Protein backbone atom coordinates (compact mmCIF):
# COMPACT_ATOMS: atom_id res chain seq x y z
CA UNK A 1 -18.22 21.22 -15.06
CA UNK A 2 -17.90 20.93 -18.81
CA UNK A 3 -19.38 18.30 -20.80
CA UNK A 4 -17.47 17.20 -23.63
CA UNK A 5 -19.17 16.53 -26.85
CA UNK A 6 -21.13 13.53 -26.75
CA UNK A 7 -19.59 10.66 -29.61
CA UNK A 8 -21.07 7.52 -31.00
CA UNK A 9 -24.26 5.83 -32.69
CA UNK A 10 -27.43 6.12 -30.45
CA UNK A 11 -27.80 2.07 -30.89
CA UNK A 12 -24.23 1.48 -29.46
CA UNK A 13 -23.88 0.74 -25.73
CA UNK A 14 -22.94 4.10 -23.49
CA UNK A 15 -19.90 4.70 -21.79
CA UNK A 16 -19.79 7.78 -19.18
CA UNK A 17 -16.01 9.07 -18.64
CA UNK A 18 -14.57 10.48 -15.61
CA UNK A 19 -10.96 11.44 -14.99
CA UNK A 20 -9.78 11.66 -11.25
CA UNK A 21 -8.49 14.75 -9.30
CA UNK A 22 -6.96 17.40 -10.77
CA UNK A 23 -6.94 15.80 -13.60
CA UNK A 24 -9.07 16.62 -17.18
CA UNK A 25 -11.23 15.07 -19.57
CA UNK A 26 -7.91 15.16 -21.70
CA UNK A 27 -6.61 12.55 -19.58
CA UNK A 28 -9.09 10.13 -20.52
CA UNK A 29 -8.55 10.82 -24.20
CA UNK A 30 -6.91 7.68 -25.19
CA UNK A 31 -9.20 4.93 -23.09
CA UNK A 32 -12.24 7.27 -25.59
CA UNK A 33 -10.49 6.85 -28.26
CA UNK A 34 -9.90 3.05 -28.11
CA UNK A 35 -13.57 2.48 -26.77
CA UNK A 36 -15.13 4.33 -29.54
CA UNK A 37 -13.01 2.07 -32.07
CA UNK A 38 -14.96 -0.94 -30.29
CA UNK A 39 -18.22 0.11 -30.92
CA UNK A 40 -19.28 2.38 -27.68
CA UNK A 41 -21.05 5.64 -27.43
CA UNK A 42 -18.81 7.68 -24.97
CA UNK A 43 -19.59 11.09 -22.55
CA UNK A 44 -16.18 11.94 -21.44
CA UNK A 45 -17.09 15.16 -18.78
CA UNK A 46 -14.97 17.71 -17.15
CA UNK A 47 -15.78 18.24 -13.37
CA UNK A 48 -14.89 20.33 -11.08
CA UNK A 49 -12.45 17.64 -9.15
CA UNK A 50 -10.49 20.62 -6.58
CA UNK A 51 -13.33 22.21 -5.60
CA UNK A 52 -16.18 20.39 -4.24
CA UNK A 53 -17.09 17.24 -2.24
CA UNK A 54 -17.42 13.50 -4.02
CA UNK A 55 -20.88 13.95 -2.98
CA UNK A 56 -21.17 17.37 -4.58
CA UNK A 57 -19.42 16.60 -7.95
CA UNK A 58 -22.01 13.98 -8.25
CA UNK A 59 -24.64 16.49 -8.13
CA UNK A 60 -22.49 18.12 -10.74
CA UNK A 61 -22.23 15.82 -13.48
CA UNK A 62 -25.82 14.13 -13.39
CA UNK A 63 -27.54 16.68 -15.80
CA UNK A 64 -24.84 15.43 -18.64
CA UNK A 65 -25.49 11.73 -17.22
CA UNK A 66 -29.17 12.17 -17.47
CA UNK A 67 -29.12 13.00 -20.59
CA UNK A 68 -26.79 10.73 -21.91
CA UNK A 69 -28.37 7.97 -20.28
CA UNK A 70 -31.86 8.41 -21.92
CA UNK A 71 -30.88 5.95 -25.11
CA UNK A 72 -32.23 2.83 -24.56
CA UNK A 73 -28.96 1.04 -24.39
CA UNK A 74 -26.69 -0.22 -21.50
CA UNK A 75 -24.96 2.47 -19.58
CA UNK A 76 -21.56 1.79 -18.39
CA UNK A 77 -18.98 4.04 -15.88
CA UNK A 78 -15.23 3.92 -16.80
CA UNK A 79 -13.58 6.17 -14.39
CA UNK A 80 -9.74 6.79 -13.16
CA UNK A 81 -8.83 7.40 -9.99
CA UNK A 82 -11.06 9.13 -7.79
CA UNK A 83 -13.59 9.18 -10.30
CA UNK A 84 -14.23 5.69 -9.43
CA UNK A 85 -15.47 7.22 -6.03
CA UNK A 86 -17.77 9.93 -7.99
CA UNK A 87 -19.34 7.40 -9.98
CA UNK A 88 -20.25 5.34 -6.75
CA UNK A 89 -21.79 8.36 -5.23
CA UNK A 90 -23.70 9.44 -8.44
CA UNK A 91 -25.40 5.79 -8.56
CA UNK A 92 -25.83 5.74 -5.17
CA UNK A 93 -27.83 8.31 -5.43
CA UNK A 94 -29.08 8.60 -9.25
CA UNK A 95 -28.76 5.48 -10.42
CA UNK A 96 -29.85 5.11 -14.04
CA UNK A 97 -32.46 2.41 -14.86
CA UNK A 98 -29.82 0.81 -17.43
CA UNK A 99 -26.75 0.73 -15.42
CA UNK A 100 -24.65 -2.17 -17.04
CA UNK A 101 -21.09 -1.61 -14.76
CA UNK A 102 -18.04 0.15 -13.68
CA UNK A 103 -14.27 -0.48 -14.93
CA UNK A 104 -12.60 1.72 -12.13
CA UNK A 105 -8.81 2.41 -12.87
CA UNK A 106 -6.59 3.09 -9.71
CA UNK A 107 -9.52 3.70 -7.83
CA UNK A 108 -8.76 4.55 -3.79
CA UNK A 109 -11.68 2.38 -3.23
CA UNK A 110 -9.97 2.15 0.35
CA UNK A 111 -8.52 5.23 0.45
CA UNK A 112 -4.91 6.62 0.17
CA UNK A 113 -2.00 6.70 2.61
CA UNK A 114 -0.84 9.54 0.74
CA UNK A 115 -3.83 11.46 1.17
CA UNK A 116 -3.36 10.53 5.03
CA UNK A 117 0.08 11.92 4.96
CA UNK A 118 -0.62 15.21 3.48
CA UNK A 119 -3.94 16.29 4.46
CA UNK A 120 -2.78 18.86 7.28
CA UNK A 121 -1.06 20.30 4.84
CA UNK A 122 -2.34 23.83 4.03
CA UNK A 123 -0.78 23.64 0.47
CA UNK A 124 -2.49 19.88 0.13
CA UNK A 125 -6.15 21.23 1.28
CA UNK A 126 -5.56 24.20 -1.08
CA UNK A 127 -4.83 22.46 -4.33
CA UNK A 128 -7.33 19.44 -3.80
CA UNK A 129 -9.70 20.87 -1.90
CA UNK A 130 -12.41 19.09 -0.52
CA UNK A 131 -12.65 16.00 -2.17
CA UNK A 132 -8.88 15.93 -1.53
CA UNK A 133 -9.72 15.71 2.09
CA UNK A 134 -11.91 12.63 1.30
CA UNK A 135 -9.40 10.70 -0.41
CA UNK A 136 -7.96 9.38 3.11
CA UNK A 137 -8.01 5.43 4.30
CA UNK A 138 -10.21 7.07 7.49
CA UNK A 139 -12.98 8.26 5.03
CA UNK A 140 -13.91 5.52 2.46
CA UNK A 141 -14.63 2.15 3.83
CA UNK A 142 -18.13 1.66 3.89
CA UNK A 143 -18.82 5.58 3.14
CA UNK A 144 -21.10 4.09 0.22
CA UNK A 145 -23.39 1.21 -0.39
CA UNK A 146 -22.76 -2.25 -0.94
CA UNK A 147 -22.11 -2.98 -5.14
CA UNK A 148 -25.15 -4.71 -6.40
CA UNK A 149 -23.85 -3.84 -10.09
CA UNK A 150 -20.84 -5.58 -12.03
CA UNK A 151 -17.31 -3.77 -11.25
CA UNK A 152 -14.09 -4.26 -11.99
CA UNK A 153 -11.30 -3.13 -11.15
CA UNK A 154 -7.93 -2.18 -12.72
CA UNK A 155 -4.54 -1.26 -10.11
CA UNK A 156 -0.87 -0.85 -11.33
CA UNK A 157 2.00 -2.08 -9.79
CA UNK A 158 4.29 0.47 -11.05
CA UNK A 159 5.10 3.82 -9.38
CA UNK A 160 7.12 7.23 -10.88
CA UNK A 161 7.54 8.84 -7.10
CA UNK A 162 10.18 6.97 -5.53
CA UNK A 163 9.23 8.26 -2.10
CA UNK A 164 5.42 7.97 -1.73
CA UNK A 165 6.10 4.60 -3.79
CA UNK A 166 9.07 2.84 -1.70
CA UNK A 167 8.51 4.92 1.87
CA UNK A 168 4.88 5.74 2.16
CA UNK A 169 2.16 3.46 0.12
CA UNK A 170 1.95 -0.57 1.05
CA UNK A 171 3.68 -2.44 -1.43
CA UNK A 172 2.35 -3.31 -4.41
CA UNK A 173 1.23 0.16 -5.59
CA UNK A 174 1.08 2.75 -8.26
CA UNK A 175 2.98 5.48 -6.64
CA UNK A 176 -0.32 6.77 -5.37
CA UNK A 177 -2.69 3.85 -4.51
CA UNK A 178 -1.70 0.84 -3.39
CA UNK A 179 -3.31 -2.66 -4.86
CA UNK A 180 -5.40 -3.52 -2.12
CA UNK A 181 -6.96 -0.22 -1.92
CA UNK A 182 -7.98 -0.87 -4.56
CA UNK A 183 -10.01 -4.20 -3.71
CA UNK A 184 -13.88 -3.17 -3.34
CA UNK A 185 -16.06 -5.58 -1.66
CA UNK A 186 -18.32 -7.63 -4.09
CA UNK A 187 -16.13 -6.41 -7.17
CA UNK A 188 -16.80 -8.82 -9.78
CA UNK A 189 -12.76 -8.87 -11.19
CA UNK A 190 -9.63 -7.38 -10.13
CA UNK A 191 -6.36 -7.01 -12.37
CA UNK A 192 -3.02 -5.86 -11.88
CA UNK A 193 -1.14 -4.01 -14.85
CA UNK A 194 2.36 -2.59 -14.68
CA UNK A 195 1.30 0.65 -15.07
CA UNK A 196 2.30 3.86 -12.85
CA UNK A 197 -1.08 5.81 -11.52
CA UNK A 198 -0.95 8.60 -14.12
CA UNK A 199 -0.17 6.15 -16.66
CA UNK A 200 -3.44 3.83 -16.20
CA UNK A 201 -6.25 5.44 -18.68
CA UNK A 202 -2.97 5.06 -21.40
CA UNK A 203 -1.93 1.73 -20.64
CA UNK A 204 -2.48 -1.00 -23.67
CA UNK A 205 -3.23 -3.73 -21.31
CA UNK A 206 -5.55 -1.44 -19.00
CA UNK A 207 -7.47 -0.49 -22.20
CA UNK A 208 -7.68 -3.64 -23.43
CA UNK A 209 -8.98 -5.39 -20.19
CA UNK A 210 -11.69 -2.32 -19.94
CA UNK A 211 -13.03 -3.23 -23.40
CA UNK A 212 -13.03 -7.14 -22.28
CA UNK A 213 -15.07 -6.34 -18.95
CA UNK A 214 -17.41 -4.06 -20.94
CA UNK A 215 -18.39 -6.43 -23.71
CA UNK A 216 -17.85 -10.00 -21.65
CA UNK A 217 -18.53 -8.97 -18.05
CA UNK A 218 -15.44 -9.99 -16.88
CA UNK A 219 -11.57 -9.93 -17.54
CA UNK A 220 -9.32 -11.81 -19.81
CA UNK A 221 -7.11 -14.14 -17.53
CA UNK A 222 -3.88 -14.25 -17.74
């Protein structure tokens, strides 16, 4: 795991950014820039998303997160795709004292039918590793404790891959995760934006809604 440099004033609320599977911290770069410009301190972590289980990945990020969380300010997580599951697993095991909430972008809280279809493939298993096999719809419903902290969920409803978008996933979907699968019992808010799965962390409205939720504890209506 590589810990990206911390950024932001010690008095600013903290945001831990977690990328999705087979991505890097660079995929969260635009979102991180906007968060910093809006007065948040950030910790954008690279972690070995394709080589370990989700629980093991939560263990891996602990040293970086616990150091960042020592500041006497609210702590948030903003996570894309599988990063949201890593965040939930992390909180279940290592809950920070000043935890203030999570914003998830395209997280498969109910699993992904794409993973259902491909998990039997040797190529899929080799590329996505143990965590990839945990992304099926049979794995995640009720797999983690019920929410007792604020969670805002942002889903996308545009897809690039026509096969998955049209024939594999329930509609609407972002090409990897259906809107329905992003939903989570006990979530504080849920919004849908016109973005693909990979485009969510760069999407202007998704970023705006993320910042609104962090500041106000709710998404902007309309």
